[in-house]
PDB file of all heavy atoms in Angstrom:
ATOM      1  N   CYS A   1      91.074  95.727 104.842  1.00  0.00           N
ATOM      2  CA  CYS A   1      89.646  95.577 105.106  1.00  0.00           C
ATOM      3  C   CYS A   1      89.279  94.127 105.002  1.00  0.00           C
ATOM      4  O   CYS A   1      88.750  93.656 104.067  1.00  0.00           O
ATOM      5  CB  CYS A   1      88.817  96.450 104.127  1.00  0.00           C
ATOM      6  SG  CYS A   1      87.099  96.410 104.543  1.00  0.00           S
ATOM      7  N   PRO A   2      89.522  93.396 106.179  1.00  0.00           N
ATOM      8  CA  PRO A   2      89.189  91.884 106.170  1.00  0.00           C
ATOM      9  C   PRO A   2      87.767  91.481 105.943  1.00  0.00           C
ATOM     10  O   PRO A   2      87.490  90.414 105.639  1.00  0.00           O
ATOM     11  CB  PRO A   2      89.815  91.399 107.475  1.00  0.00           C
ATOM     12  CG  PRO A   2      89.955  92.616 108.416  1.00  0.00           C
ATOM     13  CD  PRO A   2      90.126  93.813 107.391  1.00  0.00           C
ATOM     14  N   GLU A   3      86.866  92.448 106.194  1.00  0.00           N
ATOM     15  CA  GLU A   3      85.516  92.140 106.071  1.00  0.00           C
ATOM     16  C   GLU A   3      84.857  92.124 104.719  1.00  0.00           C
ATOM     17  O   GLU A   3      83.743  91.853 104.420  1.00  0.00           O
ATOM     18  CB  GLU A   3      84.580  92.888 106.983  1.00  0.00           C
ATOM     19  CG  GLU A   3      84.540  94.452 106.774  1.00  0.00           C
ATOM     20  CD  GLU A   3      85.725  95.097 107.552  1.00  0.00           C
ATOM     21  OE1 GLU A   3      86.602  94.458 108.180  1.00  0.00           O
ATOM     22  OE2 GLU A   3      85.787  96.306 107.480  1.00  0.00           O
ATOM     23  N   LEU A   4      85.713  92.478 103.676  1.00  0.00           N
ATOM     24  CA  LEU A   4      85.257  92.410 102.309  1.00  0.00           C
ATOM     25  C   LEU A   4      85.007  91.014 101.917  1.00  0.00           C
ATOM     26  O   LEU A   4      85.787  90.113 102.144  1.00  0.00           O
ATOM     27  CB  LEU A   4      86.335  93.021 101.444  1.00  0.00           C
ATOM     28  CG  LEU A   4      86.549  94.535 101.404  1.00  0.00           C
ATOM     29  CD1 LEU A   4      87.681  94.955 100.561  1.00  0.00           C
ATOM     30  CD2 LEU A   4      85.305  95.326 101.125  1.00  0.00           C
ATOM     31  N   THR A   5      83.913  90.801 101.188  1.00  0.00           N
ATOM     32  CA  THR A   5      83.518  89.497 100.628  1.00  0.00           C
ATOM     33  C   THR A   5      84.340  89.227  99.270  1.00  0.00           C
ATOM     34  O   THR A   5      84.929  90.204  98.741  1.00  0.00           O
ATOM     35  CB  THR A   5      82.089  89.392 100.327  1.00  0.00           C
ATOM     36  OG1 THR A   5      81.663  90.322  99.387  1.00  0.00           O
ATOM     37  CG2 THR A   5      81.226  89.670 101.623  1.00  0.00           C
ATOM     38  N   ARG A   6      84.281  88.037  98.842  1.00  0.00           N
ATOM     39  CA  ARG A   6      84.867  87.761  97.488  1.00  0.00           C
ATOM     40  C   ARG A   6      84.244  88.566  96.468  1.00  0.00           C
ATOM     41  O   ARG A   6      84.945  89.056  95.585  1.00  0.00           O
ATOM     42  CB  ARG A   6      84.783  86.317  97.197  1.00  0.00           C
ATOM     43  CG  ARG A   6      85.549  85.406  98.172  1.00  0.00           C
ATOM     44  CD  ARG A   6      86.926  85.447  98.070  1.00  0.00           C
ATOM     45  NE  ARG A   6      87.517  84.552  98.968  1.00  0.00           N
ATOM     46  CZ  ARG A   6      88.658  84.834  99.718  1.00  0.00           C
ATOM     47  NH1 ARG A   6      89.228  86.130  99.556  1.00  0.00           N
ATOM     48  NH2 ARG A   6      89.152  83.956 100.567  1.00  0.00           N
ATOM     49  N   ASN A   7      82.904  88.835  96.418  1.00  0.00           N
ATOM     50  CA  ASN A   7      82.256  89.615  95.437  1.00  0.00           C
ATOM     51  C   ASN A   7      82.716  91.108  95.567  1.00  0.00           C
ATOM     52  O   ASN A   7      83.036  91.749  94.598  1.00  0.00           O
ATOM     53  CB  ASN A   7      80.731  89.535  95.620  1.00  0.00           C
ATOM     54  CG  ASN A   7      80.227  88.228  95.124  1.00  0.00           C
ATOM     55  OD1 ASN A   7      80.873  87.571  94.268  1.00  0.00           O
ATOM     56  ND2 ASN A   7      79.069  87.881  95.548  1.00  0.00           N
ATOM     57  N   ASP A   8      82.881  91.562  96.787  1.00  0.00           N
ATOM     58  CA  ASP A   8      83.521  92.894  97.009  1.00  0.00           C
ATOM     59  C   ASP A   8      84.841  93.033  96.376  1.00  0.00           C
ATOM     60  O   ASP A   8      85.125  94.044  95.755  1.00  0.00           O
ATOM     61  CB  ASP A   8      83.575  93.251  98.482  1.00  0.00           C
ATOM     62  CG  ASP A   8      82.229  93.328  99.171  1.00  0.00           C
ATOM     63  OD1 ASP A   8      81.245  93.615  98.516  1.00  0.00           O
ATOM     64  OD2 ASP A   8      82.175  93.200 100.393  1.00  0.00           O
ATOM     65  N   GLU A   9      85.678  91.930  96.600  1.00  0.00           N
ATOM     66  CA  GLU A   9      87.046  92.003  96.124  1.00  0.00           C
ATOM     67  C   GLU A   9      87.005  92.006  94.629  1.00  0.00           C
ATOM     68  O   GLU A   9      87.799  92.685  93.891  1.00  0.00           O
ATOM     69  CB  GLU A   9      87.768  90.758  96.605  1.00  0.00           C
ATOM     70  CG  GLU A   9      88.192  90.847  98.135  1.00  0.00           C
ATOM     71  CD  GLU A   9      88.885  89.527  98.492  1.00  0.00           C
ATOM     72  OE1 GLU A   9      88.904  88.591  97.812  1.00  0.00           O
ATOM     73  OE2 GLU A   9      89.351  89.654  99.736  1.00  0.00           O
ATOM     74  N   LEU A  10      86.090  91.292  93.864  1.00  0.00           N
ATOM     75  CA  LEU A  10      86.043  91.231  92.488  1.00  0.00           C
ATOM     76  C   LEU A  10      85.628  92.574  91.966  1.00  0.00           C
ATOM     77  O   LEU A  10      86.132  93.096  91.054  1.00  0.00           O
ATOM     78  CB  LEU A  10      84.952  90.131  91.991  1.00  0.00           C
ATOM     79  CG  LEU A  10      84.753  90.000  90.609  1.00  0.00           C
ATOM     80  CD1 LEU A  10      85.975  89.676  89.778  1.00  0.00           C
ATOM     81  CD2 LEU A  10      83.717  88.901  90.279  1.00  0.00           C
ATOM     82  N   LEU A  11      84.642  93.197  92.644  1.00  0.00           N
ATOM     83  CA  LEU A  11      84.238  94.514  92.285  1.00  0.00           C
ATOM     84  C   LEU A  11      85.388  95.532  92.361  1.00  0.00           C
ATOM     85  O   LEU A  11      85.550  96.370  91.496  1.00  0.00           O
ATOM     86  CB  LEU A  11      83.016  95.022  93.179  1.00  0.00           C
ATOM     87  CG  LEU A  11      82.375  96.339  92.739  1.00  0.00           C
ATOM     88  CD1 LEU A  11      82.007  96.467  91.315  1.00  0.00           C
ATOM     89  CD2 LEU A  11      81.212  96.638  93.641  1.00  0.00           C
ATOM     90  N   CYS A  12      86.160  95.400  93.435  1.00  0.00           N
ATOM     91  CA  CYS A  12      87.258  96.324  93.593  1.00  0.00           C
ATOM     92  C   CYS A  12      88.319  96.106  92.446  1.00  0.00           C
ATOM     93  O   CYS A  12      88.859  97.049  91.951  1.00  0.00           O
ATOM     94  CB  CYS A  12      87.986  95.978  94.977  1.00  0.00           C
ATOM     95  SG  CYS A  12      87.095  96.556  96.393  1.00  0.00           S
ATOM     96  N   MET A  13      88.522  94.833  92.082  1.00  0.00           N
ATOM     97  CA  MET A  13      89.519  94.550  90.962  1.00  0.00           C
ATOM     98  C   MET A  13      88.969  95.237  89.676  1.00  0.00           C
ATOM     99  O   MET A  13      89.770  95.890  88.990  1.00  0.00           O
ATOM    100  CB  MET A  13      89.683  93.025  90.828  1.00  0.00           C
ATOM    101  CG  MET A  13      90.528  92.703  89.694  1.00  0.00           C
ATOM    102  SD  MET A  13      90.595  90.928  89.299  1.00  0.00           S
ATOM    103  CE  MET A  13      88.943  90.775  88.470  1.00  0.00           C
ATOM    104  N   LEU A  14      87.702  95.091  89.365  1.00  0.00           N
ATOM    105  CA  LEU A  14      87.174  95.675  88.190  1.00  0.00           C
ATOM    106  C   LEU A  14      87.233  97.235  88.174  1.00  0.00           C
ATOM    107  O   LEU A  14      87.538  97.906  87.229  1.00  0.00           O
ATOM    108  CB  LEU A  14      85.723  95.184  87.940  1.00  0.00           C
ATOM    109  CG  LEU A  14      85.565  93.766  87.650  1.00  0.00           C
ATOM    110  CD1 LEU A  14      84.141  93.346  87.662  1.00  0.00           C
ATOM    111  CD2 LEU A  14      86.304  93.453  86.262  1.00  0.00           C
ATOM    112  N   ILE A  15      87.076  97.871  89.444  1.00  0.00           N
ATOM    113  CA  ILE A  15      87.068  99.232  89.559  1.00  0.00           C
ATOM    114  C   ILE A  15      88.554  99.679  89.358  1.00  0.00           C
ATOM    115  O   ILE A  15      88.925 100.642  88.644  1.00  0.00           O
ATOM    116  CB  ILE A  15      86.661  99.718  90.947  1.00  0.00           C
ATOM    117  CG1 ILE A  15      85.169  99.478  91.040  1.00  0.00           C
ATOM    118  CG2 ILE A  15      87.076 101.207  91.291  1.00  0.00           C
ATOM    119  CD1 ILE A  15      84.592  99.682  92.489  1.00  0.00           C
ATOM    120  N   LEU A  16      89.513  98.840  89.880  1.00  0.00           N
ATOM    121  CA  LEU A  16      90.908  99.163  89.801  1.00  0.00           C
ATOM    122  C   LEU A  16      91.420  99.074  88.270  1.00  0.00           C
ATOM    123  O   LEU A  16      92.287  99.830  87.929  1.00  0.00           O
ATOM    124  CB  LEU A  16      91.678  98.199  90.635  1.00  0.00           C
ATOM    125  CG  LEU A  16      93.241  98.407  90.785  1.00  0.00           C
ATOM    126  CD1 LEU A  16      93.554  99.803  91.484  1.00  0.00           C
ATOM    127  CD2 LEU A  16      93.896  97.249  91.482  1.00  0.00           C
ATOM    128  N   LEU A  17      90.672  98.248  87.533  1.00  0.00           N
ATOM    129  CA  LEU A  17      90.972  98.141  86.138  1.00  0.00           C
ATOM    130  C   LEU A  17      90.370  99.145  85.287  1.00  0.00           C
ATOM    131  O   LEU A  17      90.345  99.017  84.097  1.00  0.00           O
ATOM    132  CB  LEU A  17      90.657  96.772  85.652  1.00  0.00           C
ATOM    133  CG  LEU A  17      91.486  95.579  86.191  1.00  0.00           C
ATOM    134  CD1 LEU A  17      90.805  94.336  85.763  1.00  0.00           C
ATOM    135  CD2 LEU A  17      92.900  95.728  85.710  1.00  0.00           C
ATOM    136  N   ASN A  18      89.813 100.177  85.932  1.00  0.00           N
ATOM    137  CA  ASN A  18      89.147 101.338  85.296  1.00  0.00           C
ATOM    138  C   ASN A  18      87.894 100.996  84.481  1.00  0.00           C
ATOM    139  O   ASN A  18      87.682 101.574  83.457  1.00  0.00           O
ATOM    140  CB  ASN A  18      90.144 102.139  84.395  1.00  0.00           C
ATOM    141  CG  ASN A  18      91.232 102.739  85.274  1.00  0.00           C
ATOM    142  OD1 ASN A  18      90.848 103.300  86.276  1.00  0.00           O
ATOM    143  ND2 ASN A  18      92.366 102.798  84.840  1.00  0.00           N
ATOM    144  N   GLN A  19      87.235  99.923  84.971  1.00  0.00           N
ATOM    145  CA  GLN A  19      85.984  99.533  84.280  1.00  0.00           C
ATOM    146  C   GLN A  19      84.811 100.506  84.712  1.00  0.00           C
ATOM    147  O   GLN A  19      84.788 100.782  85.896  1.00  0.00           O
ATOM    148  CB  GLN A  19      85.593  98.099  84.578  1.00  0.00           C
ATOM    149  CG  GLN A  19      86.628  97.079  84.043  1.00  0.00           C
ATOM    150  CD  GLN A  19      86.829  97.053  82.677  1.00  0.00           C
ATOM    151  OE1 GLN A  19      85.872  96.694  81.952  1.00  0.00           O
ATOM    152  NE2 GLN A  19      87.982  97.415  82.105  1.00  0.00           N
ATOM    153  N   GLY A  20      83.985 100.905  83.848  1.00  0.00           N
ATOM    154  CA  GLY A  20      82.891 101.780  84.182  1.00  0.00           C
ATOM    155  C   GLY A  20      81.717 100.897  84.700  1.00  0.00           C
ATOM    156  O   GLY A  20      81.719  99.707  84.699  1.00  0.00           O
ATOM    157  N   THR A  21      80.783 101.561  85.132  1.00  0.00           N
ATOM    158  CA  THR A  21      79.537 100.932  85.795  1.00  0.00           C
ATOM    159  C   THR A  21      78.863  99.988  84.862  1.00  0.00           C
ATOM    160  O   THR A  21      78.556  98.845  85.175  1.00  0.00           O
ATOM    161  CB  THR A  21      78.625 101.919  86.312  1.00  0.00           C
ATOM    162  OG1 THR A  21      79.251 102.842  87.288  1.00  0.00           O
ATOM    163  CG2 THR A  21      77.364 101.312  86.960  1.00  0.00           C
ATOM    164  N   ASP A  22      78.751 100.466  83.525  1.00  0.00           N
ATOM    165  CA  ASP A  22      78.129  99.568  82.605  1.00  0.00           C
ATOM    166  C   ASP A  22      78.926  98.358  82.224  1.00  0.00           C
ATOM    167  O   ASP A  22      78.330  97.252  82.109  1.00  0.00           O
ATOM    168  CB  ASP A  22      77.819 100.349  81.292  1.00  0.00           C
ATOM    169  CG  ASP A  22      76.715 101.343  81.479  1.00  0.00           C
ATOM    170  OD1 ASP A  22      75.812 101.138  82.229  1.00  0.00           O
ATOM    171  OD2 ASP A  22      76.766 102.353  80.680  1.00  0.00           O
ATOM    172  N   GLU A  23      80.215  98.536  82.153  1.00  0.00           N
ATOM    173  CA  GLU A  23      81.192  97.429  81.797  1.00  0.00           C
ATOM    174  C   GLU A  23      81.158  96.421  83.038  1.00  0.00           C
ATOM    175  O   GLU A  23      81.075  95.152  82.746  1.00  0.00           O
ATOM    176  CB  GLU A  23      82.596  97.897  81.730  1.00  0.00           C
ATOM    177  CG  GLU A  23      82.589  98.818  80.400  1.00  0.00           C
ATOM    178  CD  GLU A  23      83.927  99.526  80.337  1.00  0.00           C
ATOM    179  OE1 GLU A  23      84.299 100.128  81.341  1.00  0.00           O
ATOM    180  OE2 GLU A  23      84.556  99.565  79.181  1.00  0.00           O
ATOM    181  N   ILE A  24      81.175  96.928  84.275  1.00  0.00           N
ATOM    182  CA  ILE A  24      81.102  95.939  85.384  1.00  0.00           C
ATOM    183  C   ILE A  24      79.767  95.249  85.470  1.00  0.00           C
ATOM    184  O   ILE A  24      79.876  94.022  85.739  1.00  0.00           O
ATOM    185  CB  ILE A  24      81.343  96.796  86.786  1.00  0.00           C
ATOM    186  CG1 ILE A  24      82.790  97.367  86.737  1.00  0.00           C
ATOM    187  CG2 ILE A  24      81.204  95.986  87.960  1.00  0.00           C
ATOM    188  CD1 ILE A  24      83.008  98.303  87.918  1.00  0.00           C
ATOM    189  N   ALA A  25      78.742  95.964  85.235  1.00  0.00           N
ATOM    190  CA  ALA A  25      77.398  95.253  85.260  1.00  0.00           C
ATOM    191  C   ALA A  25      77.330  94.128  84.270  1.00  0.00           C
ATOM    192  O   ALA A  25      76.881  93.079  84.507  1.00  0.00           O
ATOM    193  CB  ALA A  25      76.308  96.274  85.066  1.00  0.00           C
ATOM    194  N   LEU A  26      77.878  94.445  83.047  1.00  0.00           N
ATOM    195  CA  LEU A  26      77.824  93.397  82.005  1.00  0.00           C
ATOM    196  C   LEU A  26      78.749  92.192  82.346  1.00  0.00           C
ATOM    197  O   LEU A  26      78.407  91.099  82.150  1.00  0.00           O
ATOM    198  CB  LEU A  26      78.335  94.037  80.702  1.00  0.00           C
ATOM    199  CG  LEU A  26      78.331  93.211  79.425  1.00  0.00           C
ATOM    200  CD1 LEU A  26      76.899  92.673  79.078  1.00  0.00           C
ATOM    201  CD2 LEU A  26      78.864  93.901  78.257  1.00  0.00           C
ATOM    202  N   ALA A  27      79.917  92.581  82.862  1.00  0.00           N
ATOM    203  CA  ALA A  27      80.942  91.485  83.191  1.00  0.00           C
ATOM    204  C   ALA A  27      80.324  90.517  84.355  1.00  0.00           C
ATOM    205  O   ALA A  27      80.594  89.382  84.327  1.00  0.00           O
ATOM    206  CB  ALA A  27      82.251  92.126  83.628  1.00  0.00           C
ATOM    207  N   LEU A  28      79.682  91.149  85.273  1.00  0.00           N
ATOM    208  CA  LEU A  28      79.171  90.411  86.426  1.00  0.00           C
ATOM    209  C   LEU A  28      77.725  89.887  86.283  1.00  0.00           C
ATOM    210  O   LEU A  28      77.262  89.072  87.056  1.00  0.00           O
ATOM    211  CB  LEU A  28      79.285  91.210  87.687  1.00  0.00           C
ATOM    212  CG  LEU A  28      80.698  91.638  88.145  1.00  0.00           C
ATOM    213  CD1 LEU A  28      80.589  92.514  89.435  1.00  0.00           C
ATOM    214  CD2 LEU A  28      81.600  90.436  88.260  1.00  0.00           C
ATOM    215  N   GLY A  29      77.030  90.353  85.222  1.00  0.00           N
ATOM    216  CA  GLY A  29      75.677  89.918  84.925  1.00  0.00           C
ATOM    217  C   GLY A  29      74.643  90.361  86.001  1.00  0.00           C
ATOM    218  O   GLY A  29      73.789  89.785  86.374  1.00  0.00           O
ATOM    219  N   ILE A  30      75.021  91.701  86.336  1.00  0.00           N
ATOM    220  CA  ILE A  30      74.095  92.341  87.374  1.00  0.00           C
ATOM    221  C   ILE A  30      73.748  93.657  86.807  1.00  0.00           C
ATOM    222  O   ILE A  30      74.217  94.165  85.855  1.00  0.00           O
ATOM    223  CB  ILE A  30      74.910  92.558  88.725  1.00  0.00           C
ATOM    224  CG1 ILE A  30      76.137  93.334  88.572  1.00  0.00           C
ATOM    225  CG2 ILE A  30      75.145  91.134  89.317  1.00  0.00           C
ATOM    226  CD1 ILE A  30      76.799  93.659  89.858  1.00  0.00           C
ATOM    227  N   SER A  31      72.707  94.361  87.549  1.00  0.00           N
ATOM    228  CA  SER A  31      72.227  95.675  87.090  1.00  0.00           C
ATOM    229  C   SER A  31      73.255  96.853  87.475  1.00  0.00           C
ATOM    230  O   SER A  31      74.135  96.642  88.355  1.00  0.00           O
ATOM    231  CB  SER A  31      70.895  95.900  87.649  1.00  0.00           C
ATOM    232  OG  SER A  31      71.005  96.124  89.013  1.00  0.00           O
ATOM    233  N   ARG A  32      73.023  97.961  86.891  1.00  0.00           N
ATOM    234  CA  ARG A  32      73.794  99.071  87.212  1.00  0.00           C
ATOM    235  C   ARG A  32      73.564  99.489  88.650  1.00  0.00           C
ATOM    236  O   ARG A  32      74.531  99.834  89.397  1.00  0.00           O
ATOM    237  CB  ARG A  32      73.408 100.340  86.315  1.00  0.00           C
ATOM    238  CG  ARG A  32      73.853 100.236  84.920  1.00  0.00           C
ATOM    239  CD  ARG A  32      73.383 101.515  84.140  1.00  0.00           C
ATOM    240  NE  ARG A  32      73.785 102.688  84.929  1.00  0.00           N
ATOM    241  CZ  ARG A  32      74.720 103.510  84.533  1.00  0.00           C
ATOM    242  NH1 ARG A  32      75.363 103.271  83.478  1.00  0.00           N
ATOM    243  NH2 ARG A  32      75.044 104.546  85.245  1.00  0.00           N
ATOM    244  N   ALA A  33      72.304  99.325  89.208  1.00  0.00           N
ATOM    245  CA  ALA A  33      72.011  99.683  90.505  1.00  0.00           C
ATOM    246  C   ALA A  33      72.765  98.701  91.424  1.00  0.00           C
ATOM    247  O   ALA A  33      73.164  99.266  92.545  1.00  0.00           O
ATOM    248  CB  ALA A  33      70.481  99.522  90.750  1.00  0.00           C
ATOM    249  N   SER A  34      72.940  97.443  91.047  1.00  0.00           N
ATOM    250  CA  SER A  34      73.568  96.569  91.919  1.00  0.00           C
ATOM    251  C   SER A  34      75.145  96.899  92.008  1.00  0.00           C
ATOM    252  O   SER A  34      75.782  96.850  93.087  1.00  0.00           O
ATOM    253  CB  SER A  34      73.538  95.140  91.455  1.00  0.00           C
ATOM    254  OG  SER A  34      72.167  94.681  91.591  1.00  0.00           O
ATOM    255  N   VAL A  35      75.721  97.435  90.917  1.00  0.00           N
ATOM    256  CA  VAL A  35      77.026  97.912  90.926  1.00  0.00           C
ATOM    257  C   VAL A  35      77.168  99.092  91.862  1.00  0.00           C
ATOM    258  O   VAL A  35      78.105  99.120  92.736  1.00  0.00           O
ATOM    259  CB  VAL A  35      77.542  98.188  89.469  1.00  0.00           C
ATOM    260  CG1 VAL A  35      78.913  98.874  89.514  1.00  0.00           C
ATOM    261  CG2 VAL A  35      77.483  96.935  88.596  1.00  0.00           C
ATOM    262  N   ASN A  36      76.240  99.984  91.736  1.00  0.00           N
ATOM    263  CA  ASN A  36      76.282 101.256  92.641  1.00  0.00           C
ATOM    264  C   ASN A  36      76.090 100.715  94.051  1.00  0.00           C
ATOM    265  O   ASN A  36      76.735 101.405  94.921  1.00  0.00           O
ATOM    266  CB  ASN A  36      75.297 102.138  92.143  1.00  0.00           C
ATOM    267  CG  ASN A  36      75.651 102.921  90.876  1.00  0.00           C
ATOM    268  OD1 ASN A  36      76.888 102.906  90.473  1.00  0.00           O
ATOM    269  ND2 ASN A  36      74.615 103.257  90.029  1.00  0.00           N
ATOM    270  N   SER A  37      75.267  99.862  94.318  1.00  0.00           N
ATOM    271  CA  SER A  37      75.016  99.378  95.664  1.00  0.00           C
ATOM    272  C   SER A  37      76.267  98.766  96.193  1.00  0.00           C
ATOM    273  O   SER A  37      76.754  98.961  97.303  1.00  0.00           O
ATOM    274  CB  SER A  37      73.947  98.406  95.779  1.00  0.00           C
ATOM    275  OG  SER A  37      72.689  99.043  95.527  1.00  0.00           O
TER     276      SER A  37
END
């Protein structure tokens, strides 16, 4: 998927590392809604 942005790739990496929505939100400094989006 060449159209993924760097932020998309970072989110993919955190998902791959089995991080939950709350953990991802905390790590990236964003809301749960932003993670879900």
